[in-house]
Amino acid sequence: MNEHLALVLAGLAGCGLGTLFFGGLWWTVRKGISSKRPALWFSGSLLLRTGIVLAGFYLVSGGHWMRLLACLFGFVIARFCVMLLVRSHRFTQKPARQTGLALQAGASAEHPSSPEREASHAT
């Protein structure tokens, strides 16, 4: 029973590490896009997230391959959970306002030179 508990705890630790890794990636992308130095954000985040996850895997496994496998399984499960959360967050946000010369000039939103627009100007 003690070994089963260790595997469950290793899986939960993997979920935590995966949430930290992929949640940090999502946060980095959001911050890095609007930054003046995106390369610094992305490379720094990659090094920090990878270092934390590798150290976590090493500590959780304790030299036992089954614990490492359970931790990896939790890590992958967390990836799918973060993906679902990010997708649901993306669709609940307000859509970005469309700007551009075509919309400012009064052209159709679908295509600036749509046939409906050309037909209305022909008469």
PDB file of N, CA and C in Angstrom:
ATOM      1  N   MET A   1       0.820  -1.198   0.000  1.00  0.00           N
ATOM      2  CA  MET A   1       0.000   0.000   0.000  1.00  0.00           C
ATOM      3  C   MET A   1       0.867   1.267   0.000  1.00  0.00           C
ATOM      4  N   ASN A   2       2.008   1.199   0.654  1.00  0.00           N
ATOM      5  CA  ASN A   2       2.892   2.339   0.732  1.00  0.00           C
ATOM      6  C   ASN A   2       3.417   2.727  -0.649  1.00  0.00           C
ATOM      7  N   GLU A   3       3.709   1.727  -1.481  1.00  0.00           N
ATOM      8  CA  GLU A   3       4.204   2.009  -2.837  1.00  0.00           C
ATOM      9  C   GLU A   3       3.104   2.623  -3.700  1.00  0.00           C
ATOM     10  N   HIS A   4       1.857   2.184  -3.516  1.00  0.00           N
ATOM     11  CA  HIS A   4       0.746   2.772  -4.272  1.00  0.00           C
ATOM     12  C   HIS A   4       0.552   4.242  -3.905  1.00  0.00           C
ATOM     13  N   LEU A   5       0.682   4.545  -2.644  1.00  0.00           N
ATOM     14  CA  LEU A   5       0.573   5.935  -2.204  1.00  0.00           C
ATOM     15  C   LEU A   5       1.690   6.788  -2.805  1.00  0.00           C
ATOM     16  N   ALA A   6       2.882   6.232  -2.861  1.00  0.00           N
ATOM     17  CA  ALA A   6       4.010   6.958  -3.460  1.00  0.00           C
ATOM     18  C   ALA A   6       3.770   7.221  -4.938  1.00  0.00           C
ATOM     19  N   LEU A   7       3.165   6.268  -5.640  1.00  0.00           N
ATOM     20  CA  LEU A   7       2.871   6.468  -7.066  1.00  0.00           C
ATOM     21  C   LEU A   7       1.801   7.532  -7.263  1.00  0.00           C
ATOM     22  N   VAL A   8       0.781   7.514  -6.420  1.00  0.00           N
ATOM     23  CA  VAL A   8      -0.278   8.527  -6.528  1.00  0.00           C
ATOM     24  C   VAL A   8       0.301   9.915  -6.244  1.00  0.00           C
ATOM     25  N   LEU A   9       1.113  10.010  -5.223  1.00  0.00           N
ATOM     26  CA  LEU A   9       1.729  11.300  -4.907  1.00  0.00           C
ATOM     27  C   LEU A   9       2.677  11.758  -6.017  1.00  0.00           C
ATOM     28  N   ALA A  10       3.382  10.821  -6.634  1.00  0.00           N
ATOM     29  CA  ALA A  10       4.252  11.174  -7.757  1.00  0.00           C
ATOM     30  C   ALA A  10       3.414  11.681  -8.935  1.00  0.00           C
ATOM     31  N   GLY A  11       2.274  11.060  -9.179  1.00  0.00           N
ATOM     32  CA  GLY A  11       1.383  11.528 -10.242  1.00  0.00           C
ATOM     33  C   GLY A  11       0.848  12.915  -9.963  1.00  0.00           C
ATOM     34  N   LEU A  12       0.481  13.169  -8.710  1.00  0.00           N
ATOM     35  CA  LEU A  12       0.005  14.510  -8.347  1.00  0.00           C
ATOM     36  C   LEU A  12       1.113  15.546  -8.467  1.00  0.00           C
ATOM     37  N   ALA A  13       2.329  15.146  -8.089  1.00  0.00           N
ATOM     38  CA  ALA A  13       3.462  16.058  -8.256  1.00  0.00           C
ATOM     39  C   ALA A  13       3.692  16.344  -9.735  1.00  0.00           C
ATOM     40  N   GLY A  14       3.534  15.330 -10.583  1.00  0.00           N
ATOM     41  CA  GLY A  14       3.656  15.534 -12.024  1.00  0.00           C
ATOM     42  C   GLY A  14       2.601  16.480 -12.555  1.00  0.00           C
ATOM     43  N   CYS A  15       1.384  16.378 -12.012  1.00  0.00           N
ATOM     44  CA  CYS A  15       0.330  17.321 -12.408  1.00  0.00           C
ATOM     45  C   CYS A  15       0.706  18.746 -12.028  1.00  0.00           C
ATOM     46  N   GLY A  16       1.269  18.890 -10.845  1.00  0.00           N
ATOM     47  CA  GLY A  16       1.703  20.225 -10.420  1.00  0.00           C
ATOM     48  C   GLY A  16       2.830  20.756 -11.278  1.00  0.00           C
ATOM     49  N   LEU A  17       3.795  19.902 -11.598  1.00  0.00           N
ATOM     50  CA  LEU A  17       4.906  20.331 -12.459  1.00  0.00           C
ATOM     51  C   LEU A  17       4.414  20.668 -13.862  1.00  0.00           C
ATOM     52  N   GLY A  18       3.488  19.867 -14.389  1.00  0.00           N
ATOM     53  CA  GLY A  18       2.948  20.137 -15.716  1.00  0.00           C
ATOM     54  C   GLY A  18       2.150  21.430 -15.759  1.00  0.00           C
ATOM     55  N   THR A  19       1.375  21.667 -14.697  1.00  0.00           N
ATOM     56  CA  THR A  19       0.619  22.913 -14.629  1.00  0.00           C
ATOM     57  C   THR A  19       1.560  24.104 -14.569  1.00  0.00           C
ATOM     58  N   LEU A  20       2.610  23.969 -13.784  1.00  0.00           N
ATOM     59  CA  LEU A  20       3.604  25.037 -13.708  1.00  0.00           C
ATOM     60  C   LEU A  20       4.286  25.259 -15.060  1.00  0.00           C
ATOM     61  N   PHE A  21       4.658  24.183 -15.731  1.00  0.00           N
ATOM     62  CA  PHE A  21       5.372  24.298 -17.001  1.00  0.00           C
ATOM     63  C   PHE A  21       4.486  24.890 -18.093  1.00  0.00           C
ATOM     64  N   PHE A  22       3.324  24.280 -18.320  1.00  0.00           N
ATOM     65  CA  PHE A  22       2.484  24.721 -19.439  1.00  0.00           C
ATOM     66  C   PHE A  22       1.711  25.994 -19.114  1.00  0.00           C
ATOM     67  N   GLY A  23       1.344  26.175 -17.847  1.00  0.00           N
ATOM     68  CA  GLY A  23       0.749  27.454 -17.454  1.00  0.00           C
ATOM     69  C   GLY A  23       1.756  28.581 -17.583  1.00  0.00           C
ATOM     70  N   GLY A  24       3.003  28.292 -17.225  1.00  0.00           N
ATOM     71  CA  GLY A  24       4.064  29.285 -17.401  1.00  0.00           C
ATOM     72  C   GLY A  24       4.324  29.591 -18.862  1.00  0.00           C
ATOM     73  N   LEU A  25       4.212  28.583 -19.704  1.00  0.00           N
ATOM     74  CA  LEU A  25       4.375  28.808 -21.143  1.00  0.00           C
ATOM     75  C   LEU A  25       3.274  29.714 -21.672  1.00  0.00           C
ATOM     76  N   TRP A  26       2.055  29.459 -21.255  1.00  0.00           N
ATOM     77  CA  TRP A  26       0.925  30.294 -21.692  1.00  0.00           C
ATOM     78  C   TRP A  26       1.118  31.733 -21.225  1.00  0.00           C
ATOM     79  N   TRP A  27       1.525  31.891 -19.966  1.00  0.00           N
ATOM     80  CA  TRP A  27       1.745  33.223 -19.427  1.00  0.00           C
ATOM     81  C   TRP A  27       2.882  33.928 -20.162  1.00  0.00           C
ATOM     82  N   THR A  28       3.939  33.184 -20.471  1.00  0.00           N
ATOM     83  CA  THR A  28       5.084  33.757 -21.180  1.00  0.00           C
ATOM     84  C   THR A  28       4.697  34.237 -22.570  1.00  0.00           C
ATOM     85  N   VAL A  29       3.898  33.456 -23.268  1.00  0.00           N
ATOM     86  CA  VAL A  29       3.470  33.850 -24.614  1.00  0.00           C
ATOM     87  C   VAL A  29       2.645  35.130 -24.538  1.00  0.00           C
ATOM     88  N   ARG A  30       1.749  35.205 -23.575  1.00  0.00           N
ATOM     89  CA  ARG A  30       0.917  36.411 -23.437  1.00  0.00           C
ATOM     90  C   ARG A  30       1.767  37.639 -23.113  1.00  0.00           C
ATOM     91  N   LYS A  31       2.749  37.502 -22.247  1.00  0.00           N
ATOM     92  CA  LYS A  31       3.600  38.631 -21.877  1.00  0.00           C
ATOM     93  C   LYS A  31       4.663  38.914 -22.933  1.00  0.00           C
ATOM     94  N   GLY A  32       5.190  37.864 -23.542  1.00  0.00           N
ATOM     95  CA  GLY A  32       6.269  38.034 -24.500  1.00  0.00           C
ATOM     96  C   GLY A  32       5.848  38.699 -25.791  1.00  0.00           C
ATOM     97  N   ILE A  33       4.620  38.479 -26.201  1.00  0.00           N
ATOM     98  CA  ILE A  33       4.140  39.075 -27.449  1.00  0.00           C
ATOM     99  C   ILE A  33       4.121  40.593 -27.365  1.00  0.00           C
ATOM    100  N   SER A  34       3.731  41.122 -26.224  1.00  0.00           N
ATOM    101  CA  SER A  34       3.628  42.572 -26.101  1.00  0.00           C
ATOM    102  C   SER A  34       4.893  43.210 -25.526  1.00  0.00           C
ATOM    103  N   SER A  35       5.932  42.424 -25.314  1.00  0.00           N
ATOM    104  CA  SER A  35       7.158  42.938 -24.725  1.00  0.00           C
ATOM    105  C   SER A  35       8.060  43.563 -25.783  1.00  0.00           C
ATOM    106  N   LYS A  36       8.928  44.443 -25.326  1.00  0.00           N
ATOM    107  CA  LYS A  36       9.925  45.018 -26.226  1.00  0.00           C
ATOM    108  C   LYS A  36      11.080  44.058 -26.459  1.00  0.00           C
ATOM    109  N   ARG A  37      11.248  43.091 -25.544  1.00  0.00           N
ATOM    110  CA  ARG A  37      12.314  42.087 -25.646  1.00  0.00           C
ATOM    111  C   ARG A  37      11.731  40.685 -25.534  1.00  0.00           C
ATOM    112  N   PRO A  38      11.042  40.213 -26.548  1.00  0.00           N
ATOM    113  CA  PRO A  38      10.410  38.894 -26.445  1.00  0.00           C
ATOM    114  C   PRO A  38      11.415  37.752 -26.355  1.00  0.00           C
ATOM    115  N   ALA A  39      12.569  37.886 -26.984  1.00  0.00           N
ATOM    116  CA  ALA A  39      13.562  36.805 -26.928  1.00  0.00           C
ATOM    117  C   ALA A  39      14.024  36.582 -25.490  1.00  0.00           C
ATOM    118  N   LEU A  40      14.158  37.636 -24.734  1.00  0.00           N
ATOM    119  CA  LEU A  40      14.546  37.511 -23.328  1.00  0.00           C
ATOM    120  C   LEU A  40      13.469  36.796 -22.524  1.00  0.00           C
ATOM    121  N   TRP A  41      12.215  37.150 -22.769  1.00  0.00           N
ATOM    122  CA  TRP A  41      11.103  36.489 -22.085  1.00  0.00           C
ATOM    123  C   TRP A  41      11.073  34.995 -22.402  1.00  0.00           C
ATOM    124  N   PHE A  42      11.135  34.671 -23.691  1.00  0.00           N
ATOM    125  CA  PHE A  42      10.989  33.272 -24.092  1.00  0.00           C
ATOM    126  C   PHE A  42      12.171  32.416 -23.656  1.00  0.00           C
ATOM    127  N   SER A  43      13.385  32.912 -23.832  1.00  0.00           N
ATOM    128  CA  SER A  43      14.544  32.106 -23.445  1.00  0.00           C
ATOM    129  C   SER A  43      14.666  31.997 -21.927  1.00  0.00           C
ATOM    130  N   GLY A  44      14.419  33.073 -21.223  1.00  0.00           N
ATOM    131  CA  GLY A  44      14.468  33.021 -19.766  1.00  0.00           C
ATOM    132  C   GLY A  44      13.407  32.103 -19.189  1.00  0.00           C
ATOM    133  N   SER A  45      12.222  32.175 -19.741  1.00  0.00           N
ATOM    134  CA  SER A  45      11.137  31.318 -19.275  1.00  0.00           C
ATOM    135  C   SER A  45      11.425  29.852 -19.569  1.00  0.00           C
ATOM    136  N   LEU A  46      11.966  29.589 -20.740  1.00  0.00           N
ATOM    137  CA  LEU A  46      12.291  28.202 -21.093  1.00  0.00           C
ATOM    138  C   LEU A  46      13.310  27.613 -20.123  1.00  0.00           C
ATOM    139  N   LEU A  47      14.364  28.366 -19.842  1.00  0.00           N
ATOM    140  CA  LEU A  47      15.392  27.877 -18.921  1.00  0.00           C
ATOM    141  C   LEU A  47      14.832  27.671 -17.515  1.00  0.00           C
ATOM    142  N   LEU A  48      14.048  28.605 -17.039  1.00  0.00           N
ATOM    143  CA  LEU A  48      13.488  28.504 -15.698  1.00  0.00           C
ATOM    144  C   LEU A  48      12.495  27.344 -15.593  1.00  0.00           C
ATOM    145  N   ARG A  49      11.556  27.258 -16.539  1.00  0.00           N
ATOM    146  CA  ARG A  49      10.554  26.194 -16.492  1.00  0.00           C
ATOM    147  C   ARG A  49      11.188  24.817 -16.634  1.00  0.00           C
ATOM    148  N   THR A  50      12.137  24.684 -17.559  1.00  0.00           N
ATOM    149  CA  THR A  50      12.797  23.393 -17.765  1.00  0.00           C
ATOM    150  C   THR A  50      13.615  22.994 -16.547  1.00  0.00           C
ATOM    151  N   GLY A  51      14.324  23.927 -15.956  1.00  0.00           N
ATOM    152  CA  GLY A  51      15.114  23.640 -14.773  1.00  0.00           C
ATOM    153  C   GLY A  51      14.253  23.182 -13.604  1.00  0.00           C
ATOM    154  N   ILE A  52      13.143  23.867 -13.398  1.00  0.00           N
ATOM    155  CA  ILE A  52      12.241  23.489 -12.305  1.00  0.00           C
ATOM    156  C   ILE A  52      11.653  22.106 -12.536  1.00  0.00           C
ATOM    157  N   VAL A  53      11.222  21.835 -13.768  1.00  0.00           N
ATOM    158  CA  VAL A  53      10.603  20.539 -14.056  1.00  0.00           C
ATOM    159  C   VAL A  53      11.617  19.400 -13.955  1.00  0.00           C
ATOM    160  N   LEU A  54      12.814  19.586 -14.478  1.00  0.00           N
ATOM    161  CA  LEU A  54      13.825  18.535 -14.376  1.00  0.00           C
ATOM    162  C   LEU A  54      14.218  18.259 -12.925  1.00  0.00           C
ATOM    163  N   ALA A  55      14.381  19.311 -12.143  1.00  0.00           N
ATOM    164  CA  ALA A  55      14.693  19.124 -10.723  1.00  0.00           C
ATOM    165  C   ALA A  55      13.536  18.435 -10.003  1.00  0.00           C
ATOM    166  N   GLY A  56      12.311  18.809 -10.370  1.00  0.00           N
ATOM    167  CA  GLY A  56      11.140  18.172  -9.766  1.00  0.00           C
ATOM    168  C   GLY A  56      11.060  16.694 -10.110  1.00  0.00           C
ATOM    169  N   PHE A  57      11.297  16.351 -11.387  1.00  0.00           N
ATOM    170  CA  PHE A  57      11.294  14.936 -11.779  1.00  0.00           C
ATOM    171  C   PHE A  57      12.356  14.154 -11.013  1.00  0.00           C
ATOM    172  N   TYR A  58      13.526  14.748 -10.871  1.00  0.00           N
ATOM    173  CA  TYR A  58      14.618  14.078 -10.177  1.00  0.00           C
ATOM    174  C   TYR A  58      14.264  13.837  -8.703  1.00  0.00           C
ATOM    175  N   LEU A  59      13.720  14.848  -8.059  1.00  0.00           N
ATOM    176  CA  LEU A  59      13.375  14.718  -6.645  1.00  0.00           C
ATOM    177  C   LEU A  59      12.206  13.763  -6.428  1.00  0.00           C
ATOM    178  N   VAL A  60      11.200  13.835  -7.288  1.00  0.00           N
ATOM    179  CA  VAL A  60      10.016  12.980  -7.124  1.00  0.00           C
ATOM    180  C   VAL A  60      10.364  11.518  -7.374  1.00  0.00           C
ATOM    181  N   SER A  61      11.186  11.260  -8.373  1.00  0.00           N
ATOM    182  CA  SER A  61      11.476   9.862  -8.717  1.00  0.00           C
ATOM    183  C   SER A  61      12.241   9.156  -7.610  1.00  0.00           C
ATOM    184  N   GLY A  62      13.171   9.823  -6.989  1.00  0.00           N
ATOM    185  CA  GLY A  62      13.945   9.208  -5.927  1.00  0.00           C
ATOM    186  C   GLY A  62      14.675   7.946  -6.364  1.00  0.00           C
ATOM    187  N   GLY A  63      14.997   7.850  -7.636  1.00  0.00           N
ATOM    188  CA  GLY A  63      15.699   6.680  -8.150  1.00  0.00           C
ATOM    189  C   GLY A  63      14.792   5.520  -8.528  1.00  0.00           C
ATOM    190  N   HIS A  64      13.480   5.700  -8.450  1.00  0.00           N
ATOM    191  CA  HIS A  64      12.521   4.646  -8.795  1.00  0.00           C
ATOM    192  C   HIS A  64      11.872   4.977 -10.138  1.00  0.00           C
ATOM    193  N   TRP A  65      11.990   4.062 -11.079  1.00  0.00           N
ATOM    194  CA  TRP A  65      11.472   4.332 -12.416  1.00  0.00           C
ATOM    195  C   TRP A  65       9.952   4.406 -12.436  1.00  0.00           C
ATOM    196  N   MET A  66       9.281   3.680 -11.554  1.00  0.00           N
ATOM    197  CA  MET A  66       7.809   3.721 -11.545  1.00  0.00           C
ATOM    198  C   MET A  66       7.298   5.079 -11.068  1.00  0.00           C
ATOM    199  N   ARG A  67       7.982   5.676 -10.120  1.00  0.00           N
ATOM    200  CA  ARG A  67       7.602   7.024  -9.670  1.00  0.00           C
ATOM    201  C   ARG A  67       7.847   8.045 -10.772  1.00  0.00           C
ATOM    202  N   LEU A  68       8.948   7.870 -11.489  1.00  0.00           N
ATOM    203  CA  LEU A  68       9.237   8.771 -12.606  1.00  0.00           C
ATOM    204  C   LEU A  68       8.166   8.656 -13.682  1.00  0.00           C
ATOM    205  N   LEU A  69       7.738   7.433 -13.951  1.00  0.00           N
ATOM    206  CA  LEU A  69       6.687   7.211 -14.948  1.00  0.00           C
ATOM    207  C   LEU A  69       5.359   7.815 -14.492  1.00  0.00           C
ATOM    208  N   ALA A  70       5.023   7.667 -13.202  1.00  0.00           N
ATOM    209  CA  ALA A  70       3.796   8.259 -12.665  1.00  0.00           C
ATOM    210  C   ALA A  70       3.858   9.779 -12.735  1.00  0.00           C
ATOM    211  N   CYS A  71       5.028  10.329 -12.450  1.00  0.00           N
ATOM    212  CA  CYS A  71       5.205  11.778 -12.520  1.00  0.00           C
ATOM    213  C   CYS A  71       5.052  12.272 -13.963  1.00  0.00           C
ATOM    214  N   LEU A  72       5.615  11.541 -14.895  1.00  0.00           N
ATOM    215  CA  LEU A  72       5.490  11.896 -16.307  1.00  0.00           C
ATOM    216  C   LEU A  72       4.037  11.798 -16.770  1.00  0.00           C
ATOM    217  N   PHE A  73       3.335  10.787 -16.292  1.00  0.00           N
ATOM    218  CA  PHE A  73       1.921  10.640 -16.632  1.00  0.00           C
ATOM    219  C   PHE A  73       1.119  11.845 -16.120  1.00  0.00           C
ATOM    220  N   GLY A  74       1.366  12.259 -14.887  1.00  0.00           N
ATOM    221  CA  GLY A  74       0.706  13.443 -14.348  1.00  0.00           C
ATOM    222  C   GLY A  74       1.061  14.700 -15.119  1.00  0.00           C
ATOM    223  N   PHE A  75       2.300  14.788 -15.572  1.00  0.00           N
ATOM    224  CA  PHE A  75       2.755  15.929 -16.363  1.00  0.00           C
ATOM    225  C   PHE A  75       1.970  16.027 -17.672  1.00  0.00           C
ATOM    226  N   VAL A  76       1.780  14.885 -18.333  1.00  0.00           N
ATOM    227  CA  VAL A  76       1.042  14.865 -19.603  1.00  0.00           C
ATOM    228  C   VAL A  76      -0.435  15.177 -19.373  1.00  0.00           C
ATOM    229  N   ILE A  77      -1.006  14.656 -18.305  1.00  0.00           N
ATOM    230  CA  ILE A  77      -2.405  14.960 -17.980  1.00  0.00           C
ATOM    231  C   ILE A  77      -2.570  16.464 -17.748  1.00  0.00           C
ATOM    232  N   ALA A  78      -1.627  17.061 -17.058  1.00  0.00           N
ATOM    233  CA  ALA A  78      -1.690  18.507 -16.812  1.00  0.00           C
ATOM    234  C   ALA A  78      -1.613  19.290 -18.116  1.00  0.00           C
ATOM    235  N   ARG A  79      -0.872  18.783 -19.077  1.00  0.00           N
ATOM    236  CA  ARG A  79      -0.787  19.457 -20.379  1.00  0.00           C
ATOM    237  C   ARG A  79      -2.160  19.561 -21.017  1.00  0.00           C
ATOM    238  N   PHE A  80      -2.903  18.465 -20.997  1.00  0.00           N
ATOM    239  CA  PHE A  80      -4.241  18.485 -21.595  1.00  0.00           C
ATOM    240  C   PHE A  80      -5.190  19.378 -20.800  1.00  0.00           C
ATOM    241  N   CYS A  81      -5.061  19.383 -19.485  1.00  0.00           N
ATOM    242  CA  CYS A  81      -5.908  20.251 -18.664  1.00  0.00           C
ATOM    243  C   CYS A  81      -5.625  21.723 -18.951  1.00  0.00           C
ATOM    244  N   VAL A  82      -4.363  22.093 -19.045  1.00  0.00           N
ATOM    245  CA  VAL A  82      -4.018  23.487 -19.339  1.00  0.00           C
ATOM    246  C   VAL A  82      -4.486  23.862 -20.746  1.00  0.00           C
ATOM    247  N   MET A  83      -4.359  22.931 -21.695  1.00  0.00           N
ATOM    248  CA  MET A  83      -4.848  23.212 -23.058  1.00  0.00           C
ATOM    249  C   MET A  83      -6.345  23.489 -23.050  1.00  0.00           C
ATOM    250  N   LEU A  84      -7.112  22.704 -22.307  1.00  0.00           N
ATOM    251  CA  LEU A  84      -8.556  22.924 -22.237  1.00  0.00           C
ATOM    252  C   LEU A  84      -8.880  24.261 -21.580  1.00  0.00           C
ATOM    253  N   LEU A  85      -8.165  24.602 -20.531  1.00  0.00           N
ATOM    254  CA  LEU A  85      -8.403  25.882 -19.868  1.00  0.00           C
ATOM    255  C   LEU A  85      -8.049  27.062 -20.771  1.00  0.00           C
ATOM    256  N   VAL A  86      -6.958  26.947 -21.500  1.00  0.00           N
ATOM    257  CA  VAL A  86      -6.548  28.037 -22.387  1.00  0.00           C
ATOM    258  C   VAL A  86      -7.550  28.192 -23.526  1.00  0.00           C
ATOM    259  N   ARG A  87      -8.014  27.097 -24.069  1.00  0.00           N
ATOM    260  CA  ARG A  87      -9.014  27.188 -25.147  1.00  0.00           C
ATOM    261  C   ARG A  87     -10.299  27.800 -24.656  1.00  0.00           C
ATOM    262  N   SER A  88     -10.761  27.412 -23.479  1.00  0.00           N
ATOM    263  CA  SER A  88     -11.999  27.990 -22.959  1.00  0.00           C
ATOM    264  C   SER A  88     -11.792  29.468 -22.628  1.00  0.00           C
ATOM    265  N   HIS A  89     -10.616  29.835 -22.184  1.00  0.00           N
ATOM    266  CA  HIS A  89     -10.320  31.240 -21.904  1.00  0.00           C
ATOM    267  C   HIS A  89     -10.284  32.047 -23.192  1.00  0.00           C
ATOM    268  N   ARG A  90      -9.759  31.451 -24.249  1.00  0.00           N
ATOM    269  CA  ARG A  90      -9.646  32.158 -25.523  1.00  0.00           C
ATOM    270  C   ARG A  90     -11.021  32.457 -26.104  1.00  0.00           C
ATOM    271  N   PHE A  91     -11.978  31.535 -25.956  1.00  0.00           N
ATOM    272  CA  PHE A  91     -13.289  31.737 -26.541  1.00  0.00           C
ATOM    273  C   PHE A  91     -14.212  32.576 -25.667  1.00  0.00           C
ATOM    274  N   THR A  92     -13.856  32.800 -24.420  1.00  0.00           N
ATOM    275  CA  THR A  92     -14.683  33.651 -23.576  1.00  0.00           C
ATOM    276  C   THR A  92     -14.233  35.100 -23.609  1.00  0.00           C
ATOM    277  N   GLN A  93     -13.090  35.380 -24.210  1.00  0.00           N
ATOM    278  CA  GLN A  93     -12.627  36.757 -24.318  1.00  0.00           C
ATOM    279  C   GLN A  93     -13.405  37.471 -25.406  1.00  0.00           C
ATOM    280  N   LYS A  94     -13.460  38.790 -25.280  1.00  0.00           N
ATOM    281  CA  LYS A  94     -14.083  39.597 -26.321  1.00  0.00           C
ATOM    282  C   LYS A  94     -13.205  39.569 -27.565  1.00  0.00           C
ATOM    283  N   PRO A  95     -13.805  39.503 -28.744  1.00  0.00           N
ATOM    284  CA  PRO A  95     -12.979  39.510 -29.958  1.00  0.00           C
ATOM    285  C   PRO A  95     -12.294  40.861 -30.137  1.00  0.00           C
ATOM    286  N   ALA A  96     -11.120  40.801 -30.703  1.00  0.00           N
ATOM    287  CA  ALA A  96     -10.365  42.020 -30.954  1.00  0.00           C
ATOM    288  C   ALA A  96     -11.081  42.855 -32.006  1.00  0.00           C
ATOM    289  N   ARG A  97     -11.031  44.151 -31.840  1.00  0.00           N
ATOM    290  CA  ARG A  97     -11.661  45.026 -32.826  1.00  0.00           C
ATOM    291  C   ARG A  97     -10.873  44.978 -34.116  1.00  0.00           C
ATOM    292  N   GLN A  98     -11.604  44.932 -35.218  1.00  0.00           N
ATOM    293  CA  GLN A  98     -10.935  44.914 -36.512  1.00  0.00           C
ATOM    294  C   GLN A  98     -10.645  46.345 -36.931  1.00  0.00           C
ATOM    295  N   THR A  99      -9.418  46.566 -37.304  1.00  0.00           N
ATOM    296  CA  THR A  99      -9.032  47.877 -37.804  1.00  0.00           C
ATOM    297  C   THR A  99      -8.328  47.681 -39.120  1.00  0.00           C
ATOM    298  N   GLY A 100      -8.290  48.704 -39.880  1.00  0.00           N
ATOM    299  CA  GLY A 100      -7.612  48.627 -41.166  1.00  0.00           C
ATOM    300  C   GLY A 100      -8.206  49.611 -42.133  1.00  0.00           C
ATOM    301  N   LEU A 101      -7.517  49.807 -43.243  1.00  0.00           N
ATOM    302  CA  LEU A 101      -7.977  50.772 -44.237  1.00  0.00           C
ATOM    303  C   LEU A 101      -9.288  50.352 -44.872  1.00  0.00           C
ATOM    304  N   ALA A 102      -9.486  49.057 -45.074  1.00  0.00           N
ATOM    305  CA  ALA A 102     -10.706  48.600 -45.738  1.00  0.00           C
ATOM    306  C   ALA A 102     -11.931  48.919 -44.897  1.00  0.00           C
ATOM    307  N   LEU A 103     -11.870  48.700 -43.584  1.00  0.00           N
ATOM    308  CA  LEU A 103     -13.015  48.986 -42.742  1.00  0.00           C
ATOM    309  C   LEU A 103     -13.203  50.478 -42.542  1.00  0.00           C
ATOM    310  N   GLN A 104     -12.124  51.237 -42.525  1.00  0.00           N
ATOM    311  CA  GLN A 104     -12.240  52.677 -42.354  1.00  0.00           C
ATOM    312  C   GLN A 104     -12.809  53.333 -43.608  1.00  0.00           C
ATOM    313  N   ALA A 105     -12.543  52.748 -44.773  1.00  0.00           N
ATOM    314  CA  ALA A 105     -13.044  53.309 -46.016  1.00  0.00           C
ATOM    315  C   ALA A 105     -14.477  52.881 -46.291  1.00  0.00           C
ATOM    316  N   GLY A 106     -15.045  52.020 -45.445  1.00  0.00           N
ATOM    317  CA  GLY A 106     -16.429  51.608 -45.620  1.00  0.00           C
ATOM    318  C   GLY A 106     -16.578  50.353 -46.441  1.00  0.00           C
ATOM    319  N   ALA A 107     -15.519  49.585 -46.657  1.00  0.00           N
ATOM    320  CA  ALA A 107     -15.602  48.360 -47.436  1.00  0.00           C
ATOM    321  C   ALA A 107     -16.242  47.265 -46.606  1.00  0.00           C
ATOM    322  N   SER A 108     -16.630  46.228 -47.271  1.00  0.00           N
ATOM    323  CA  SER A 108     -17.237  45.086 -46.610  1.00  0.00           C
ATOM    324  C   SER A 108     -16.232  44.447 -45.657  1.00  0.00           C
ATOM    325  N   ALA A 109     -16.709  43.943 -44.516  1.00  0.00           N
ATOM    326  CA  ALA A 109     -15.820  43.332 -43.532  1.00  0.00           C
ATOM    327  C   ALA A 109     -15.269  42.004 -44.028  1.00  0.00           C
ATOM    328  N   GLU A 110     -16.001  41.331 -44.914  1.00  0.00           N
ATOM    329  CA  GLU A 110     -15.537  40.035 -45.401  1.00  0.00           C
ATOM    330  C   GLU A 110     -14.388  40.198 -46.381  1.00  0.00           C
ATOM    331  N   HIS A 111     -14.530  41.093 -47.317  1.00  0.00           N
ATOM    332  CA  HIS A 111     -13.496  41.288 -48.323  1.00  0.00           C
ATOM    333  C   HIS A 111     -13.598  42.716 -48.832  1.00  0.00           C
ATOM    334  N   PRO A 112     -12.498  43.426 -48.923  1.00  0.00           N
ATOM    335  CA  PRO A 112     -12.544  44.834 -49.315  1.00  0.00           C
ATOM    336  C   PRO A 112     -13.146  45.074 -50.690  1.00  0.00           C
ATOM    337  N   SER A 113     -12.995  44.153 -51.609  1.00  0.00           N
ATOM    338  CA  SER A 113     -13.568  44.354 -52.939  1.00  0.00           C
ATOM    339  C   SER A 113     -14.590  43.274 -53.233  1.00  0.00           C
ATOM    340  N   SER A 114     -15.586  43.149 -52.373  1.00  0.00           N
ATOM    341  CA  SER A 114     -16.601  42.118 -52.549  1.00  0.00           C
ATOM    342  C   SER A 114     -17.515  42.470 -53.718  1.00  0.00           C
ATOM    343  N   PRO A 115     -18.124  41.487 -54.375  1.00  0.00           N
ATOM    344  CA  PRO A 115     -18.999  41.757 -55.524  1.00  0.00           C
ATOM    345  C   PRO A 115     -20.191  42.625 -55.149  1.00  0.00           C
ATOM    346  N   GLU A 116     -20.706  42.495 -53.900  1.00  0.00           N
ATOM    347  CA  GLU A 116     -21.852  43.302 -53.485  1.00  0.00           C
ATOM    348  C   GLU A 116     -21.486  44.794 -53.476  1.00  0.00           C
ATOM    349  N   ARG A 117     -20.288  45.077 -53.027  1.00  0.00           N
ATOM    350  CA  ARG A 117     -19.840  46.464 -52.955  1.00  0.00           C
ATOM    351  C   ARG A 117     -19.641  47.033 -54.357  1.00  0.00           C
ATOM    352  N   GLU A 118     -19.023  46.241 -55.259  1.00  0.00           N
ATOM    353  CA  GLU A 118     -18.798  46.716 -56.623  1.00  0.00           C
ATOM    354  C   GLU A 118     -20.119  46.912 -57.359  1.00  0.00           C
ATOM    355  N   ALA A 119     -21.102  46.029 -57.109  1.00  0.00           N
ATOM    356  CA  ALA A 119     -22.396  46.159 -57.777  1.00  0.00           C
ATOM    357  C   ALA A 119     -23.139  47.395 -57.293  1.00  0.00           C
ATOM    358  N   SER A 120     -23.007  47.738 -56.034  1.00  0.00           N
ATOM    359  CA  SER A 120     -23.711  48.918 -55.495  1.00  0.00           C
ATOM    360  C   SER A 120     -23.088  50.211 -56.030  1.00  0.00           C
ATOM    361  N   HIS A 121     -21.815  50.200 -56.368  1.00  0.00           N
ATOM    362  CA  HIS A 121     -21.181  51.399 -56.917  1.00  0.00           C
ATOM    363  C   HIS A 121     -21.363  51.517 -58.427  1.00  0.00           C
ATOM    364  N   ALA A 122     -21.748  50.437 -59.073  1.00  0.00           N
ATOM    365  CA  ALA A 122     -21.914  50.466 -60.528  1.00  0.00           C
ATOM    366  C   ALA A 122     -23.195  51.198 -60.920  1.00  0.00           C
ATOM    367  N   THR A 123     -24.169  51.248 -60.048  1.00  0.00           N
ATOM    368  CA  THR A 123     -25.438  51.908 -60.414  1.00  0.00           C
ATOM    369  C   THR A 123     -25.492  53.330 -60.032  1.00  0.00           C
TER     370      THR A 123
END
